[in-house]
N, C-alpha and C. Protein backbone atom coordinates (compact mmCIF):
# COMPACT_ATOMS: atom_id res chain seq x y z
N MET A 1 -47.64 -23.22 -33.38
CA MET A 1 -47.18 -22.14 -32.54
C MET A 1 -47.54 -20.82 -33.19
N LYS A 2 -48.06 -19.92 -32.37
CA LYS A 2 -48.54 -18.63 -32.88
C LYS A 2 -47.38 -17.64 -32.92
N GLN A 3 -47.22 -16.94 -34.05
CA GLN A 3 -46.16 -15.95 -34.19
C GLN A 3 -46.66 -14.58 -33.76
N PHE A 4 -45.75 -13.80 -33.21
CA PHE A 4 -46.10 -12.46 -32.74
C PHE A 4 -45.96 -11.49 -33.90
N ASP A 5 -46.95 -10.64 -34.07
CA ASP A 5 -46.94 -9.66 -35.16
C ASP A 5 -46.65 -8.28 -34.58
N PHE A 6 -45.47 -7.74 -34.91
CA PHE A 6 -45.10 -6.42 -34.41
C PHE A 6 -45.91 -5.31 -35.05
N ASN A 7 -46.47 -5.51 -36.18
CA ASN A 7 -47.26 -4.48 -36.85
C ASN A 7 -48.53 -4.19 -36.09
N GLN A 8 -49.05 -5.13 -35.35
CA GLN A 8 -50.29 -4.90 -34.60
C GLN A 8 -50.05 -4.13 -33.31
N VAL A 9 -48.81 -4.08 -32.85
CA VAL A 9 -48.52 -3.39 -31.60
C VAL A 9 -48.69 -1.89 -31.76
N GLY A 10 -48.21 -1.34 -32.82
CA GLY A 10 -48.32 0.09 -33.05
C GLY A 10 -47.27 0.86 -32.29
N LYS A 11 -47.51 2.15 -32.11
CA LYS A 11 -46.55 3.02 -31.44
C LYS A 11 -47.13 3.57 -30.14
N ARG A 12 -47.84 2.74 -29.45
CA ARG A 12 -48.42 3.17 -28.17
C ARG A 12 -47.31 3.30 -27.12
N MET A 13 -47.38 4.34 -26.34
CA MET A 13 -46.43 4.56 -25.25
C MET A 13 -47.14 4.27 -23.94
N PRO A 14 -46.63 3.39 -23.14
CA PRO A 14 -47.30 3.09 -21.88
C PRO A 14 -47.08 4.18 -20.82
N TYR A 15 -46.16 5.10 -21.08
CA TYR A 15 -45.86 6.15 -20.11
C TYR A 15 -46.23 7.50 -20.70
N ASN A 16 -46.61 8.42 -19.81
CA ASN A 16 -46.86 9.78 -20.26
C ASN A 16 -46.19 10.75 -19.29
N VAL A 17 -45.89 11.94 -19.78
CA VAL A 17 -45.16 12.95 -19.04
C VAL A 17 -46.11 14.11 -18.78
N PRO A 18 -46.05 14.69 -17.58
CA PRO A 18 -46.93 15.85 -17.32
C PRO A 18 -46.60 17.01 -18.26
N ASP A 19 -47.57 17.85 -18.48
CA ASP A 19 -47.38 19.02 -19.35
C ASP A 19 -46.32 19.94 -18.75
N SER A 20 -45.54 20.55 -19.61
CA SER A 20 -44.45 21.48 -19.27
C SER A 20 -43.38 20.83 -18.39
N PHE A 21 -43.24 19.53 -18.45
CA PHE A 21 -42.21 18.85 -17.66
C PHE A 21 -40.81 19.25 -18.12
N PHE A 22 -40.60 19.25 -19.42
CA PHE A 22 -39.27 19.55 -19.93
C PHE A 22 -38.91 21.02 -19.75
N ASP A 23 -39.89 21.91 -19.78
CA ASP A 23 -39.60 23.33 -19.51
C ASP A 23 -39.16 23.50 -18.06
N GLN A 24 -39.84 22.86 -17.16
CA GLN A 24 -39.50 22.95 -15.74
C GLN A 24 -38.18 22.24 -15.45
N LEU A 25 -37.90 21.19 -16.17
CA LEU A 25 -36.66 20.43 -15.98
C LEU A 25 -35.45 21.31 -16.25
N GLU A 26 -35.51 22.11 -17.28
CA GLU A 26 -34.39 22.99 -17.62
C GLU A 26 -34.15 24.00 -16.50
N GLU A 27 -35.21 24.57 -15.97
CA GLU A 27 -35.05 25.54 -14.88
C GLU A 27 -34.49 24.88 -13.62
N ASP A 28 -34.96 23.67 -13.32
CA ASP A 28 -34.47 22.96 -12.14
C ASP A 28 -32.98 22.64 -12.25
N VAL A 29 -32.58 22.21 -13.43
CA VAL A 29 -31.17 21.89 -13.64
C VAL A 29 -30.32 23.15 -13.50
N MET A 30 -30.74 24.23 -14.05
CA MET A 30 -29.97 25.48 -13.95
C MET A 30 -29.85 25.94 -12.50
N GLN A 31 -30.91 25.79 -11.71
CA GLN A 31 -30.84 26.17 -10.30
C GLN A 31 -29.86 25.28 -9.53
N GLU A 32 -29.86 23.98 -9.82
CA GLU A 32 -28.93 23.07 -9.15
C GLU A 32 -27.48 23.39 -9.53
N VAL A 33 -27.25 23.75 -10.77
CA VAL A 33 -25.89 24.09 -11.20
C VAL A 33 -25.42 25.35 -10.48
N LYS A 34 -26.30 26.32 -10.32
CA LYS A 34 -25.92 27.54 -9.61
C LYS A 34 -25.59 27.24 -8.15
N VAL A 35 -26.37 26.39 -7.51
CA VAL A 35 -26.12 26.04 -6.12
C VAL A 35 -24.80 25.29 -5.98
N GLU A 36 -24.50 24.37 -6.89
CA GLU A 36 -23.27 23.59 -6.82
C GLU A 36 -22.03 24.44 -7.06
N THR A 37 -22.13 25.48 -7.89
CA THR A 37 -20.95 26.30 -8.16
C THR A 37 -20.65 27.23 -6.99
N THR A 38 -21.61 27.56 -6.16
CA THR A 38 -21.34 28.45 -5.04
C THR A 38 -20.93 27.69 -3.78
N GLN A 39 -21.44 26.51 -3.54
CA GLN A 39 -21.15 25.79 -2.32
C GLN A 39 -19.82 25.05 -2.29
N PRO A 40 -19.39 24.39 -3.34
CA PRO A 40 -18.20 23.53 -3.22
C PRO A 40 -16.91 24.25 -2.88
N LYS A 41 -16.80 25.55 -3.05
CA LYS A 41 -15.54 26.22 -2.74
C LYS A 41 -15.17 26.03 -1.28
N SER A 42 -16.12 26.23 -0.40
CA SER A 42 -15.82 26.04 1.01
C SER A 42 -15.60 24.57 1.32
N ARG A 43 -16.33 23.70 0.65
CA ARG A 43 -16.15 22.27 0.86
C ARG A 43 -14.79 21.81 0.33
N LYS A 44 -14.38 22.37 -0.81
CA LYS A 44 -13.09 22.00 -1.37
C LYS A 44 -11.96 22.43 -0.44
N LYS A 45 -12.08 23.64 0.11
CA LYS A 45 -11.05 24.12 1.03
C LYS A 45 -10.98 23.23 2.27
N ALA A 46 -12.14 22.86 2.79
CA ALA A 46 -12.17 22.00 3.97
C ALA A 46 -11.57 20.63 3.64
N HIS A 47 -11.86 20.12 2.46
CA HIS A 47 -11.32 18.82 2.05
C HIS A 47 -9.81 18.89 1.89
N ILE A 48 -9.32 19.96 1.31
CA ILE A 48 -7.87 20.13 1.14
C ILE A 48 -7.18 20.25 2.50
N ILE A 49 -7.81 20.97 3.42
CA ILE A 49 -7.24 21.12 4.76
C ILE A 49 -7.19 19.77 5.47
N LYS A 50 -8.25 18.97 5.33
CA LYS A 50 -8.26 17.64 5.94
C LYS A 50 -7.15 16.77 5.38
N ILE A 51 -6.96 16.79 4.07
CA ILE A 51 -5.91 15.99 3.45
C ILE A 51 -4.53 16.45 3.93
N ALA A 52 -4.33 17.76 4.01
CA ALA A 52 -3.04 18.28 4.46
C ALA A 52 -2.76 17.90 5.91
N MET A 53 -3.78 17.98 6.75
CA MET A 53 -3.61 17.62 8.16
C MET A 53 -3.31 16.13 8.31
N ARG A 54 -4.02 15.31 7.58
CA ARG A 54 -3.78 13.87 7.66
C ARG A 54 -2.38 13.53 7.16
N SER A 55 -1.93 14.20 6.11
CA SER A 55 -0.58 13.95 5.60
C SER A 55 0.47 14.37 6.62
N ALA A 56 0.26 15.52 7.25
CA ALA A 56 1.22 16.00 8.25
C ALA A 56 1.27 15.05 9.45
N ILE A 57 0.12 14.55 9.87
CA ILE A 57 0.08 13.61 11.00
C ILE A 57 0.79 12.32 10.62
N ALA A 58 0.58 11.85 9.39
CA ALA A 58 1.23 10.62 8.95
C ALA A 58 2.74 10.78 8.90
N VAL A 59 3.22 11.91 8.42
CA VAL A 59 4.67 12.16 8.36
C VAL A 59 5.24 12.25 9.77
N ALA A 60 4.54 12.94 10.66
CA ALA A 60 5.03 13.07 12.04
C ALA A 60 5.06 11.71 12.74
N ALA A 61 4.04 10.89 12.52
CA ALA A 61 4.01 9.56 13.13
C ALA A 61 5.13 8.68 12.58
N THR A 62 5.39 8.78 11.29
CA THR A 62 6.46 8.00 10.69
C THR A 62 7.83 8.41 11.25
N LEU A 63 8.06 9.70 11.37
CA LEU A 63 9.32 10.18 11.93
C LEU A 63 9.47 9.76 13.38
N ALA A 64 8.40 9.86 14.15
CA ALA A 64 8.46 9.46 15.55
C ALA A 64 8.77 7.97 15.68
N LEU A 65 8.12 7.17 14.86
CA LEU A 65 8.38 5.73 14.88
C LEU A 65 9.82 5.43 14.49
N PHE A 66 10.33 6.13 13.49
CA PHE A 66 11.72 5.94 13.06
C PHE A 66 12.69 6.24 14.19
N PHE A 67 12.48 7.37 14.88
CA PHE A 67 13.40 7.74 15.96
C PHE A 67 13.28 6.80 17.15
N VAL A 68 12.09 6.33 17.45
CA VAL A 68 11.92 5.39 18.56
C VAL A 68 12.62 4.08 18.24
N VAL A 69 12.45 3.59 17.01
CA VAL A 69 13.09 2.33 16.63
C VAL A 69 14.61 2.48 16.63
N CYS A 70 15.11 3.58 16.10
CA CYS A 70 16.56 3.81 16.08
C CYS A 70 17.13 3.92 17.48
N ALA A 71 16.37 4.50 18.40
CA ALA A 71 16.86 4.67 19.77
C ALA A 71 16.87 3.36 20.53
N THR A 72 15.96 2.45 20.19
CA THR A 72 15.87 1.20 20.94
C THR A 72 16.76 0.10 20.38
N LEU A 73 17.17 0.20 19.14
CA LEU A 73 18.05 -0.82 18.57
C LEU A 73 19.44 -0.72 19.18
N PRO A 74 20.06 -1.87 19.45
CA PRO A 74 21.43 -1.80 20.00
C PRO A 74 22.39 -1.32 18.92
N GLN A 75 23.29 -0.48 19.33
CA GLN A 75 24.26 0.07 18.40
C GLN A 75 25.51 -0.80 18.43
N SER A 76 25.85 -1.38 17.30
CA SER A 76 27.05 -2.21 17.23
C SER A 76 28.19 -1.37 16.67
N GLU A 77 29.38 -1.70 17.11
CA GLU A 77 30.53 -0.93 16.65
C GLU A 77 30.87 -1.24 15.20
N SER A 78 30.76 -2.50 14.84
CA SER A 78 31.10 -2.90 13.49
C SER A 78 30.26 -4.10 13.11
N VAL A 79 29.75 -4.08 11.92
CA VAL A 79 28.96 -5.20 11.43
C VAL A 79 29.88 -6.31 10.97
N LEU A 80 30.99 -5.95 10.39
CA LEU A 80 31.94 -6.93 9.88
C LEU A 80 32.77 -7.49 11.02
N ALA A 81 33.14 -8.74 10.88
CA ALA A 81 33.97 -9.37 11.90
C ALA A 81 35.39 -8.81 11.82
N SER A 82 35.98 -8.64 12.97
CA SER A 82 37.34 -8.10 12.99
C SER A 82 38.36 -9.24 12.93
N ALA A 83 39.62 -8.90 12.82
CA ALA A 83 40.70 -9.89 12.75
C ALA A 83 40.82 -10.63 14.07
N ASP A 84 40.50 -9.97 15.18
CA ASP A 84 40.56 -10.64 16.49
C ASP A 84 39.53 -11.76 16.57
N ASP A 85 38.35 -11.54 15.96
CA ASP A 85 37.32 -12.58 15.96
C ASP A 85 37.81 -13.80 15.19
N PHE A 86 38.43 -13.59 14.05
CA PHE A 86 38.95 -14.70 13.26
C PHE A 86 40.07 -15.43 14.00
N ALA A 87 40.88 -14.68 14.70
CA ALA A 87 41.98 -15.30 15.45
C ALA A 87 41.44 -16.19 16.56
N SER A 88 40.40 -15.73 17.24
CA SER A 88 39.83 -16.55 18.31
C SER A 88 39.15 -17.81 17.76
N VAL A 89 38.55 -17.72 16.58
CA VAL A 89 37.95 -18.90 15.95
C VAL A 89 39.04 -19.87 15.54
N GLU A 90 40.11 -19.37 14.98
CA GLU A 90 41.24 -20.23 14.59
C GLU A 90 41.86 -20.92 15.80
N GLN A 91 41.96 -20.19 16.90
CA GLN A 91 42.53 -20.77 18.10
C GLN A 91 41.63 -21.87 18.64
N ALA A 92 40.30 -21.63 18.66
CA ALA A 92 39.37 -22.64 19.14
C ALA A 92 39.37 -23.86 18.22
N PHE A 93 39.46 -23.64 16.92
CA PHE A 93 39.49 -24.74 15.97
C PHE A 93 40.76 -25.56 16.13
N GLY A 94 41.86 -24.90 16.42
CA GLY A 94 43.15 -25.59 16.61
C GLY A 94 43.15 -26.46 17.85
N GLN A 95 42.31 -26.15 18.83
CA GLN A 95 42.27 -26.94 20.06
C GLN A 95 41.40 -28.19 19.93
N LEU A 96 40.68 -28.33 18.83
CA LEU A 96 39.85 -29.52 18.61
C LEU A 96 40.72 -30.68 18.16
N SER A 97 40.20 -31.88 18.35
CA SER A 97 40.92 -33.06 17.86
C SER A 97 40.81 -33.11 16.34
N THR A 98 41.69 -33.91 15.71
CA THR A 98 41.67 -33.98 14.24
C THR A 98 40.37 -34.59 13.73
N ASP A 99 39.78 -35.51 14.47
CA ASP A 99 38.49 -36.08 14.05
C ASP A 99 37.38 -35.01 14.07
N ASP A 100 37.37 -34.18 15.12
CA ASP A 100 36.36 -33.11 15.20
C ASP A 100 36.59 -32.07 14.11
N GLN A 101 37.84 -31.75 13.84
CA GLN A 101 38.13 -30.80 12.78
C GLN A 101 37.67 -31.33 11.43
N ASP A 102 37.97 -32.61 11.17
CA ASP A 102 37.53 -33.22 9.90
C ASP A 102 36.01 -33.23 9.79
N PHE A 103 35.33 -33.52 10.90
CA PHE A 103 33.87 -33.54 10.90
C PHE A 103 33.31 -32.15 10.58
N LEU A 104 33.82 -31.12 11.22
CA LEU A 104 33.33 -29.75 10.97
C LEU A 104 33.58 -29.32 9.53
N ILE A 105 34.75 -29.65 9.01
CA ILE A 105 35.06 -29.29 7.62
C ILE A 105 34.11 -30.02 6.67
N GLN A 106 33.84 -31.29 6.95
CA GLN A 106 32.93 -32.06 6.10
C GLN A 106 31.52 -31.47 6.14
N VAL A 107 31.03 -31.09 7.31
CA VAL A 107 29.68 -30.52 7.45
C VAL A 107 29.59 -29.20 6.70
N TYR A 108 30.56 -28.35 6.84
CA TYR A 108 30.51 -27.04 6.18
C TYR A 108 30.65 -27.17 4.67
N GLU A 109 31.44 -28.12 4.20
CA GLU A 109 31.60 -28.29 2.76
C GLU A 109 30.33 -28.84 2.12
N GLU A 110 29.59 -29.70 2.83
CA GLU A 110 28.36 -30.27 2.28
C GLU A 110 27.22 -29.25 2.26
N ASP A 111 27.11 -28.43 3.27
CA ASP A 111 25.96 -27.53 3.40
C ASP A 111 26.23 -26.12 2.92
N ASP A 112 27.42 -25.83 2.51
CA ASP A 112 27.72 -24.47 2.09
C ASP A 112 27.22 -24.23 0.67
N LEU A 113 26.36 -23.26 0.51
CA LEU A 113 25.79 -22.97 -0.81
C LEU A 113 26.79 -22.34 -1.76
N PHE A 114 27.79 -21.66 -1.20
CA PHE A 114 28.75 -21.00 -2.07
C PHE A 114 29.79 -21.98 -2.60
N ILE A 115 30.10 -23.01 -1.81
CA ILE A 115 31.06 -24.01 -2.28
C ILE A 115 30.38 -25.03 -3.19
N ASN A 116 29.20 -25.49 -2.79
CA ASN A 116 28.44 -26.49 -3.56
C ASN A 116 27.10 -25.89 -4.01
N PRO A 117 27.05 -25.19 -5.12
CA PRO A 117 25.80 -24.55 -5.56
C PRO A 117 24.73 -25.53 -6.02
């Protein structure tokens, strides 16, 4: 197997650059920097205005949705059960036969997570 000799390659460059390329490059970069510093102010203002408008629209839409949902939900007087509700449940339970009462108690005791964790 033939080994490659790096010493024979030398320092040949396969690419070449036109004369005065780097001098012209500096001038081109400076012109682009000048153009970028003058133009973005108006673009930045327009971008900030767009963001502010989008934020305002989003807040308004959220508030409108909140009020629509609140207006359509049924308003309950109390979330907690009152004493009258418990009394009616006790009355209905008292009217059941003893076998039905025992069955209901057994079902609730087996499936209740708070009694049987």
